[in-house]
PDB file of N, CA and C in Angstrom:
ATOM      1  N   ARG A   1       0.836  -1.172   0.000  1.00  0.00           N
ATOM      2  CA  ARG A   1       0.000   0.000   0.000  1.00  0.00           C
ATOM      3  C   ARG A   1       0.882   1.235   0.000  1.00  0.00           C
ATOM      4  N   ALA A   2       0.692   2.043  -0.986  1.00  0.00           N
ATOM      5  CA  ALA A   2       1.531   3.226  -1.174  1.00  0.00           C
ATOM      6  C   ALA A   2       1.476   4.171   0.022  1.00  0.00           C
ATOM      7  N   ASP A   3       0.330   4.255   0.684  1.00  0.00           N
ATOM      8  CA  ASP A   3       0.194   5.178   1.808  1.00  0.00           C
ATOM      9  C   ASP A   3       0.952   4.722   3.052  1.00  0.00           C
ATOM     10  N   GLN A   4       1.451   3.497   3.070  1.00  0.00           N
ATOM     11  CA  GLN A   4       2.156   2.972   4.229  1.00  0.00           C
ATOM     12  C   GLN A   4       3.638   2.720   3.983  1.00  0.00           C
ATOM     13  N   LEU A   5       4.168   3.140   2.837  1.00  0.00           N
ATOM     14  CA  LEU A   5       5.567   2.834   2.522  1.00  0.00           C
ATOM     15  C   LEU A   5       6.536   3.458   3.513  1.00  0.00           C
ATOM     16  N   GLY A   6       6.322   4.690   3.887  1.00  0.00           N
ATOM     17  CA  GLY A   6       7.210   5.340   4.855  1.00  0.00           C
ATOM     18  C   GLY A   6       7.204   4.610   6.186  1.00  0.00           C
ATOM     19  N   ALA A   7       6.014   4.221   6.632  1.00  0.00           N
ATOM     20  CA  ALA A   7       5.895   3.479   7.882  1.00  0.00           C
ATOM     21  C   ALA A   7       6.557   2.107   7.759  1.00  0.00           C
ATOM     22  N   ALA A   8       6.460   1.502   6.593  1.00  0.00           N
ATOM     23  CA  ALA A   8       7.097   0.202   6.366  1.00  0.00           C
ATOM     24  C   ALA A   8       8.614   0.328   6.450  1.00  0.00           C
ATOM     25  N   LEU A   9       9.176   1.364   5.840  1.00  0.00           N
ATOM     26  CA  LEU A   9      10.623   1.562   5.915  1.00  0.00           C
ATOM     27  C   LEU A   9      11.070   1.762   7.354  1.00  0.00           C
ATOM     28  N   THR A  10      10.298   2.514   8.116  1.00  0.00           N
ATOM     29  CA  THR A  10      10.625   2.736   9.523  1.00  0.00           C
ATOM     30  C   THR A  10      10.571   1.414  10.281  1.00  0.00           C
ATOM     31  N   ALA A  11       9.541   0.619  10.046  1.00  0.00           N
ATOM     32  CA  ALA A  11       9.383  -0.661  10.736  1.00  0.00           C
ATOM     33  C   ALA A  11      10.505  -1.633  10.377  1.00  0.00           C
ATOM     34  N   LEU A  12      10.955  -1.591   9.131  1.00  0.00           N
ATOM     35  CA  LEU A  12      12.014  -2.504   8.703  1.00  0.00           C
ATOM     36  C   LEU A  12      13.363  -2.136   9.309  1.00  0.00           C
ATOM     37  N   GLY A  13      13.516  -0.884   9.681  1.00  0.00           N
ATOM     38  CA  GLY A  13      14.720  -0.444  10.388  1.00  0.00           C
ATOM     39  C   GLY A  13      16.006  -0.794   9.680  1.00  0.00           C
ATOM     40  N   ASP A  14      16.890  -1.517  10.369  1.00  0.00           N
ATOM     41  CA  ASP A  14      18.214  -1.814   9.835  1.00  0.00           C
ATOM     42  C   ASP A  14      18.213  -2.852   8.715  1.00  0.00           C
ATOM     43  N   LEU A  15      17.064  -3.408   8.373  1.00  0.00           N
ATOM     44  CA  LEU A  15      16.994  -4.295   7.204  1.00  0.00           C
ATOM     45  C   LEU A  15      17.073  -3.492   5.906  1.00  0.00           C
ATOM     46  N   VAL A  16      16.791  -2.195   6.010  1.00  0.00           N
ATOM     47  CA  VAL A  16      16.813  -1.308   4.845  1.00  0.00           C
ATOM     48  C   VAL A  16      18.168  -0.622   4.795  1.00  0.00           C
ATOM     49  N   THR A  17      18.846  -0.746   3.667  1.00  0.00           N
ATOM     50  CA  THR A  17      20.135  -0.075   3.519  1.00  0.00           C
ATOM     51  C   THR A  17      19.910   1.419   3.351  1.00  0.00           C
ATOM     52  N   PRO A  18      20.879   2.233   3.757  1.00  0.00           N
ATOM     53  CA  PRO A  18      20.703   3.691   3.698  1.00  0.00           C
ATOM     54  C   PRO A  18      20.456   4.243   2.290  1.00  0.00           C
ATOM     55  N   ASP A  19      20.823   3.497   1.260  1.00  0.00           N
ATOM     56  CA  ASP A  19      20.657   4.002  -0.098  1.00  0.00           C
ATOM     57  C   ASP A  19      19.254   3.794  -0.659  1.00  0.00           C
ATOM     58  N   VAL A  20      18.361   3.147   0.076  1.00  0.00           N
ATOM     59  CA  VAL A  20      16.988   2.940  -0.392  1.00  0.00           C
ATOM     60  C   VAL A  20      16.199   4.236  -0.184  1.00  0.00           C
ATOM     61  N   THR A  21      15.621   4.727  -1.263  1.00  0.00           N
ATOM     62  CA  THR A  21      14.796   5.932  -1.197  1.00  0.00           C
ATOM     63  C   THR A  21      13.459   5.651  -1.863  1.00  0.00           C
ATOM     64  N   LEU A  22      12.461   6.423  -1.488  1.00  0.00           N
ATOM     65  CA  LEU A  22      11.144   6.287  -2.101  1.00  0.00           C
ATOM     66  C   LEU A  22      10.991   7.340  -3.187  1.00  0.00           C
ATOM     67  N   GLU A  23      10.702   6.900  -4.369  1.00  0.00           N
ATOM     68  CA  GLU A  23      10.433   7.816  -5.469  1.00  0.00           C
ATOM     69  C   GLU A  23       9.008   8.345  -5.320  1.00  0.00           C
ATOM     70  N   PRO A  24       8.741   9.570  -5.766  1.00  0.00           N
ATOM     71  CA  PRO A  24       7.362  10.078  -5.716  1.00  0.00           C
ATOM     72  C   PRO A  24       6.420   9.131  -6.468  1.00  0.00           C
ATOM     73  N   GLY A  25       5.326   8.785  -5.840  1.00  0.00           N
ATOM     74  CA  GLY A  25       4.352   7.893  -6.452  1.00  0.00           C
ATOM     75  C   GLY A  25       4.704   6.416  -6.360  1.00  0.00           C
ATOM     76  N   ALA A  26       5.765   6.092  -5.637  1.00  0.00           N
ATOM     77  CA  ALA A  26       6.179   4.691  -5.518  1.00  0.00           C
ATOM     78  C   ALA A  26       5.083   3.876  -4.840  1.00  0.00           C
ATOM     79  N   ASP A  27       4.971   2.625  -5.259  1.00  0.00           N
ATOM     80  CA  ASP A  27       3.980   1.754  -4.635  1.00  0.00           C
ATOM     81  C   ASP A  27       4.624   0.481  -4.093  1.00  0.00           C
ATOM     82  N   ARG A  28       5.962   0.469  -4.039  1.00  0.00           N
ATOM     83  CA  ARG A  28       6.671  -0.705  -3.523  1.00  0.00           C
ATOM     84  C   ARG A  28       8.064  -0.303  -3.077  1.00  0.00           C
ATOM     85  N   VAL A  29       8.654  -1.163  -2.287  1.00  0.00           N
ATOM     86  CA  VAL A  29      10.037  -0.970  -1.864  1.00  0.00           C
ATOM     87  C   VAL A  29      10.738  -2.316  -1.970  1.00  0.00           C
ATOM     88  N   SER A  30      11.981  -2.283  -2.390  1.00  0.00           N
ATOM     89  CA  SER A  30      12.801  -3.495  -2.481  1.00  0.00           C
ATOM     90  C   SER A  30      13.969  -3.351  -1.528  1.00  0.00           C
ATOM     91  N   ILE A  31      14.249  -4.426  -0.812  1.00  0.00           N
ATOM     92  CA  ILE A  31      15.395  -4.419   0.089  1.00  0.00           C
ATOM     93  C   ILE A  31      16.263  -5.629  -0.228  1.00  0.00           C
ATOM     94  N   HIS A  32      17.522  -5.543   0.135  1.00  0.00           N
ATOM     95  CA  HIS A  32      18.426  -6.671  -0.015  1.00  0.00           C
ATOM     96  C   HIS A  32      18.120  -7.685   1.074  1.00  0.00           C
ATOM     97  N   ALA A  33      18.211  -8.956   0.726  1.00  0.00           N
ATOM     98  CA  ALA A  33      17.931 -10.027   1.683  1.00  0.00           C
ATOM     99  C   ALA A  33      19.135 -10.961   1.746  1.00  0.00           C
ATOM    100  N   PRO A  34      20.209 -10.520   2.426  1.00  0.00           N
ATOM    101  CA  PRO A  34      21.436 -11.316   2.438  1.00  0.00           C
ATOM    102  C   PRO A  34      21.254 -12.697   3.058  1.00  0.00           C
ATOM    103  N   ASP A  35      20.293 -12.851   3.956  1.00  0.00           N
ATOM    104  CA  ASP A  35      20.047 -14.155   4.576  1.00  0.00           C
ATOM    105  C   ASP A  35      18.843 -14.859   3.966  1.00  0.00           C
ATOM    106  N   GLY A  36      18.403 -14.390   2.799  1.00  0.00           N
ATOM    107  CA  GLY A  36      17.297 -15.026   2.092  1.00  0.00           C
ATOM    108  C   GLY A  36      16.050 -15.151   2.943  1.00  0.00           C
ATOM    109  N   PRO A  37      15.582 -16.388   3.174  1.00  0.00           N
ATOM    110  CA  PRO A  37      14.346 -16.591   3.927  1.00  0.00           C
ATOM    111  C   PRO A  37      14.399 -16.014   5.343  1.00  0.00           C
ATOM    112  N   GLY A  38      15.572 -15.978   5.957  1.00  0.00           N
ATOM    113  CA  GLY A  38      15.697 -15.401   7.293  1.00  0.00           C
ATOM    114  C   GLY A  38      15.373 -13.915   7.287  1.00  0.00           C
ATOM    115  N   THR A  39      15.873 -13.205   6.267  1.00  0.00           N
ATOM    116  CA  THR A  39      15.578 -11.778   6.143  1.00  0.00           C
ATOM    117  C   THR A  39      14.093 -11.574   5.870  1.00  0.00           C
ATOM    118  N   LEU A  40      13.523 -12.403   5.016  1.00  0.00           N
ATOM    119  CA  LEU A  40      12.094 -12.311   4.708  1.00  0.00           C
ATOM    120  C   LEU A  40      11.252 -12.529   5.973  1.00  0.00           C
ATOM    121  N   SER A  41      11.598 -13.532   6.756  1.00  0.00           N
ATOM    122  CA  SER A  41      10.860 -13.802   7.996  1.00  0.00           C
ATOM    123  C   SER A  41      10.951 -12.629   8.965  1.00  0.00           C
ATOM    124  N   GLU A  42      12.146 -12.056   9.105  1.00  0.00           N
ATOM    125  CA  GLU A  42      12.319 -10.923  10.008  1.00  0.00           C
ATOM    126  C   GLU A  42      11.545  -9.713   9.505  1.00  0.00           C
ATOM    127  N   ALA A  43      11.558  -9.486   8.195  1.00  0.00           N
ATOM    128  CA  ALA A  43      10.798  -8.367   7.624  1.00  0.00           C
ATOM    129  C   ALA A  43       9.305  -8.540   7.905  1.00  0.00           C
ATOM    130  N   LEU A  44       8.790  -9.742   7.711  1.00  0.00           N
ATOM    131  CA  LEU A  44       7.374 -10.005   7.981  1.00  0.00           C
ATOM    132  C   LEU A  44       7.043  -9.799   9.454  1.00  0.00           C
ATOM    133  N   ARG A  45       7.920 -10.255  10.338  1.00  0.00           N
ATOM    134  CA  ARG A  45       7.687 -10.083  11.772  1.00  0.00           C
ATOM    135  C   ARG A  45       7.606  -8.605  12.128  1.00  0.00           C
ATOM    136  N   ARG A  46       8.556  -7.812  11.621  1.00  0.00           N
ATOM    137  CA  ARG A  46       8.576  -6.381  11.925  1.00  0.00           C
ATOM    138  C   ARG A  46       7.366  -5.648  11.350  1.00  0.00           C
ATOM    139  N   LEU A  47       7.005  -5.982  10.128  1.00  0.00           N
ATOM    140  CA  LEU A  47       5.861  -5.321   9.509  1.00  0.00           C
ATOM    141  C   LEU A  47       4.567  -5.679  10.223  1.00  0.00           C
ATOM    142  N   ASP A  48       4.431  -6.935  10.620  1.00  0.00           N
ATOM    143  CA  ASP A  48       3.236  -7.359  11.357  1.00  0.00           C
ATOM    144  C   ASP A  48       3.156  -6.640  12.704  1.00  0.00           C
ATOM    145  N   ALA A  49       4.275  -6.545  13.403  1.00  0.00           N
ATOM    146  CA  ALA A  49       4.305  -5.872  14.703  1.00  0.00           C
ATOM    147  C   ALA A  49       3.927  -4.392  14.574  1.00  0.00           C
ATOM    148  N   ALA A  50       4.244  -3.793  13.423  1.00  0.00           N
ATOM    149  CA  ALA A  50       3.917  -2.376  13.201  1.00  0.00           C
ATOM    150  C   ALA A  50       2.523  -2.180  12.630  1.00  0.00           C
ATOM    151  N   GLY A  51       1.811  -3.266  12.369  1.00  0.00           N
ATOM    152  CA  GLY A  51       0.454  -3.168  11.828  1.00  0.00           C
ATOM    153  C   GLY A  51       0.412  -2.762  10.368  1.00  0.00           C
ATOM    154  N   ILE A  52       1.486  -3.045   9.636  1.00  0.00           N
ATOM    155  CA  ILE A  52       1.556  -2.697   8.216  1.00  0.00           C
ATOM    156  C   ILE A  52       0.893  -3.805   7.405  1.00  0.00           C
ATOM    157  N   GLU A  53      -0.086  -3.441   6.594  1.00  0.00           N
ATOM    158  CA  GLU A  53      -0.757  -4.406   5.721  1.00  0.00           C
ATOM    159  C   GLU A  53      -0.024  -4.469   4.385  1.00  0.00           C
ATOM    160  N   LEU A  54       0.238  -5.667   3.912  1.00  0.00           N
ATOM    161  CA  LEU A  54       0.931  -5.862   2.648  1.00  0.00           C
ATOM    162  C   LEU A  54      -0.037  -6.298   1.561  1.00  0.00           C
ATOM    163  N   ASP A  55       0.212  -5.819   0.353  1.00  0.00           N
ATOM    164  CA  ASP A  55      -0.521  -6.324  -0.802  1.00  0.00           C
ATOM    165  C   ASP A  55       0.199  -7.539  -1.370  1.00  0.00           C
ATOM    166  N   ASP A  56       1.539  -7.560  -1.193  1.00  0.00           N
ATOM    167  CA  ASP A  56       2.342  -8.648  -1.754  1.00  0.00           C
ATOM    168  C   ASP A  56       3.723  -8.596  -1.128  1.00  0.00           C
ATOM    169  N   ILE A  57       4.376  -9.734  -1.049  1.00  0.00           N
ATOM    170  CA  ILE A  57       5.769  -9.793  -0.635  1.00  0.00           C
ATOM    171  C   ILE A  57       6.388 -10.971  -1.372  1.00  0.00           C
ATOM    172  N   ALA A  58       7.634 -10.809  -1.781  1.00  0.00           N
ATOM    173  CA  ALA A  58       8.283 -11.877  -2.543  1.00  0.00           C
ATOM    174  C   ALA A  58       9.778 -11.874  -2.262  1.00  0.00           C
ATOM    175  N   LEU A  59      10.370 -13.026  -2.413  1.00  0.00           N
ATOM    176  CA  LEU A  59      11.807 -13.203  -2.320  1.00  0.00           C
ATOM    177  C   LEU A  59      12.262 -13.686  -3.680  1.00  0.00           C
ATOM    178  N   ARG A  60      13.204 -12.957  -4.272  1.00  0.00           N
ATOM    179  CA  ARG A  60      13.678 -13.374  -5.590  1.00  0.00           C
ATOM    180  C   ARG A  60      15.166 -13.163  -5.695  1.00  0.00           C
ATOM    181  N   ARG A  61      15.773 -13.925  -6.564  1.00  0.00           N
ATOM    182  CA  ARG A  61      17.196 -13.754  -6.842  1.00  0.00           C
ATOM    183  C   ARG A  61      17.353 -12.586  -7.805  1.00  0.00           C
ATOM    184  N   PRO A  62      18.422 -11.810  -7.640  1.00  0.00           N
ATOM    185  CA  PRO A  62      18.627 -10.685  -8.553  1.00  0.00           C
ATOM    186  C   PRO A  62      18.988 -11.177  -9.956  1.00  0.00           C
ATOM    187  N   SER A  63      18.533 -10.423 -10.947  1.00  0.00           N
ATOM    188  CA  SER A  63      18.900 -10.734 -12.332  1.00  0.00           C
ATOM    189  C   SER A  63      20.297 -10.171 -12.600  1.00  0.00           C
ATOM    190  N   LEU A  64      20.880 -10.518 -13.715  1.00  0.00           N
ATOM    191  CA  LEU A  64      22.168  -9.936 -14.092  1.00  0.00           C
ATOM    192  C   LEU A  64      22.055  -8.426 -14.236  1.00  0.00           C
ATOM    193  N   ASP A  65      20.938  -7.948 -14.751  1.00  0.00           N
ATOM    194  CA  ASP A  65      20.714  -6.495 -14.848  1.00  0.00           C
ATOM    195  C   ASP A  65      20.716  -5.854 -13.466  1.00  0.00           C
ATOM    196  N   ASP A  66      20.036  -6.482 -12.513  1.00  0.00           N
ATOM    197  CA  ASP A  66      20.005  -5.955 -11.145  1.00  0.00           C
ATOM    198  C   ASP A  66      21.416  -5.849 -10.578  1.00  0.00           C
ATOM    199  N   VAL A  67      22.216  -6.892 -10.761  1.00  0.00           N
ATOM    200  CA  VAL A  67      23.582  -6.903 -10.239  1.00  0.00           C
ATOM    201  C   VAL A  67      24.413  -5.816 -10.904  1.00  0.00           C
ATOM    202  N   PHE A  68      24.317  -5.706 -12.213  1.00  0.00           N
ATOM    203  CA  PHE A  68      25.070  -4.671 -12.932  1.00  0.00           C
ATOM    204  C   PHE A  68      24.685  -3.272 -12.442  1.00  0.00           C
ATOM    205  N   LEU A  69      23.388  -3.014 -12.345  1.00  0.00           N
ATOM    206  CA  LEU A  69      22.934  -1.696 -11.894  1.00  0.00           C
ATOM    207  C   LEU A  69      23.372  -1.415 -10.462  1.00  0.00           C
ATOM    208  N   TYR A  70      23.367  -2.430  -9.618  1.00  0.00           N
ATOM    209  CA  TYR A  70      23.794  -2.235  -8.239  1.00  0.00           C
ATOM    210  C   TYR A  70      25.294  -1.929  -8.178  1.00  0.00           C
ATOM    211  N   ILE A  71      26.085  -2.710  -8.888  1.00  0.00           N
ATOM    212  CA  ILE A  71      27.540  -2.512  -8.861  1.00  0.00           C
ATOM    213  C   ILE A  71      27.946  -1.176  -9.439  1.00  0.00           C
ATOM    214  N   THR A  72      27.257  -0.749 -10.488  1.00  0.00           N
ATOM    215  CA  THR A  72      27.616   0.527 -11.113  1.00  0.00           C
ATOM    216  C   THR A  72      26.982   1.725 -10.415  1.00  0.00           C
ATOM    217  N   GLY A  73      26.142   1.464  -9.410  1.00  0.00           N
ATOM    218  CA  GLY A  73      25.549   2.562  -8.653  1.00  0.00           C
ATOM    219  C   GLY A  73      24.303   3.138  -9.267  1.00  0.00           C
ATOM    220  N   HIS A  74      23.753   2.488 -10.283  1.00  0.00           N
ATOM    221  CA  HIS A  74      22.544   3.011 -10.933  1.00  0.00           C
ATOM    222  C   HIS A  74      21.264   2.349 -10.446  1.00  0.00           C
ATOM    223  N   GLY A  75      21.362   1.388  -9.588  1.00  0.00           N
ATOM    224  CA  GLY A  75      20.185   0.682  -9.109  1.00  0.00           C
ATOM    225  C   GLY A  75      19.938   0.915  -7.648  1.00  0.00           C
ATOM    226  N   ARG A  76      20.163   2.120  -7.167  1.00  0.00           N
ATOM    227  CA  ARG A  76      20.112   2.384  -5.727  1.00  0.00           C
ATOM    228  C   ARG A  76      18.867   3.128  -5.300  1.00  0.00           C
ATOM    229  N   SER A  77      17.733   2.761  -5.840  1.00  0.00           N
ATOM    230  CA  SER A  77      16.464   3.355  -5.392  1.00  0.00           C
ATOM    231  C   SER A  77      15.480   2.249  -5.134  1.00  0.00           C
ATOM    232  N   SER A  78      14.265   2.595  -4.758  1.00  0.00           N
ATOM    233  CA  SER A  78      13.271   1.600  -4.382  1.00  0.00           C
ATOM    234  C   SER A  78      12.886   0.691  -5.495  1.00  0.00           C
TER     235      SER A  78
END
């Protein structure tokens, strides 16, 4: 839910890297999940504790494009 993205970022706390920003009109946020399912479980726990309702959540492996954009510094937004 777009109206809860700021609250979601706050609830996620240190799971969100400092380079994650919300673009105007954003309706989603992506975070790195270095521990895979463990990070996903912790994110769900924090969001539930904060009363944040989700429309969707997913865990996926980054594509080669994602990796390239991250390494070159062009993929550092939500």
